[in-house]
Amino acid sequence: MKHPPFHDNLEQVKNSIDYILSLNTETFYLGHGNPVSRKSLINYRDQFSK
């Protein structure tokens, strides 16, 4: 899996995603792009361990 250039520390990115998921929100609205579903964010996070 190719990561964006700002993913210098994948463990830190995963920890940040885990924190966001702990907020129990179903849809996340980012500063750019389309909304991201909880399921999509979980799938993205889970790719780090592969």
Protein backbone atom coordinates (compact mmCIF):
# COMPACT_ATOMS: atom_id res chain seq x y z
CA MET A 1 0.00 0.00 0.00
CA LYS A 2 1.34 3.42 -0.95
CA HIS A 3 0.85 6.07 1.74
CA PRO A 4 0.59 9.83 1.25
CA PRO A 5 3.88 11.72 1.74
CA PHE A 6 2.68 13.22 5.05
CA HIS A 7 2.49 9.77 6.65
CA ASP A 8 6.00 9.96 8.08
CA ASN A 9 5.09 7.95 11.18
CA LEU A 10 2.50 5.27 10.40
CA GLU A 11 2.11 4.32 14.06
CA GLN A 12 1.22 7.90 14.92
CA VAL A 13 -1.27 8.05 12.03
CA LYS A 14 -2.89 4.82 13.25
CA ASN A 15 -3.07 6.18 16.81
CA SER A 16 -4.71 9.37 15.53
CA ILE A 17 -7.28 7.37 13.57
CA ASP A 18 -7.98 5.23 16.65
CA TYR A 19 -8.58 8.40 18.66
CA ILE A 20 -10.99 9.77 16.06
CA LEU A 21 -12.84 6.44 15.99
CA SER A 22 -13.15 6.54 19.78
CA LEU A 23 -15.42 9.57 19.38
CA ASN A 24 -18.16 7.22 18.08
CA THR A 25 -18.96 9.33 15.05
CA GLU A 26 -20.44 7.72 11.93
CA THR A 27 -19.37 10.32 9.35
CA PHE A 28 -16.28 12.49 9.35
CA TYR A 29 -16.13 15.79 7.46
CA LEU A 30 -12.58 16.64 6.50
CA GLY A 31 -11.12 20.00 5.56
CA HIS A 32 -11.14 18.91 1.92
CA GLY A 33 -12.69 16.16 -0.17
CA ASN A 34 -15.84 14.21 0.52
CA PRO A 35 -17.16 12.99 3.88
CA VAL A 36 -15.60 9.74 5.13
CA SER A 37 -17.67 6.99 6.71
CA ARG A 38 -16.64 5.22 9.91
CA LYS A 39 -16.40 1.94 7.98
CA SER A 40 -14.07 3.48 5.37
CA LEU A 41 -11.82 4.90 8.08
CA ILE A 42 -11.63 1.52 9.83
CA ASN A 43 -10.76 -0.20 6.55
CA TYR A 44 -8.05 2.38 5.87
CA ARG A 45 -6.57 2.01 9.37
CA ASP A 46 -6.58 -1.77 9.13
CA GLN A 47 -4.42 -1.66 5.99
CA PHE A 48 -1.48 -0.41 8.11
CA SER A 49 -0.97 -3.82 9.65
CA LYS A 50 -0.68 -5.55 6.27
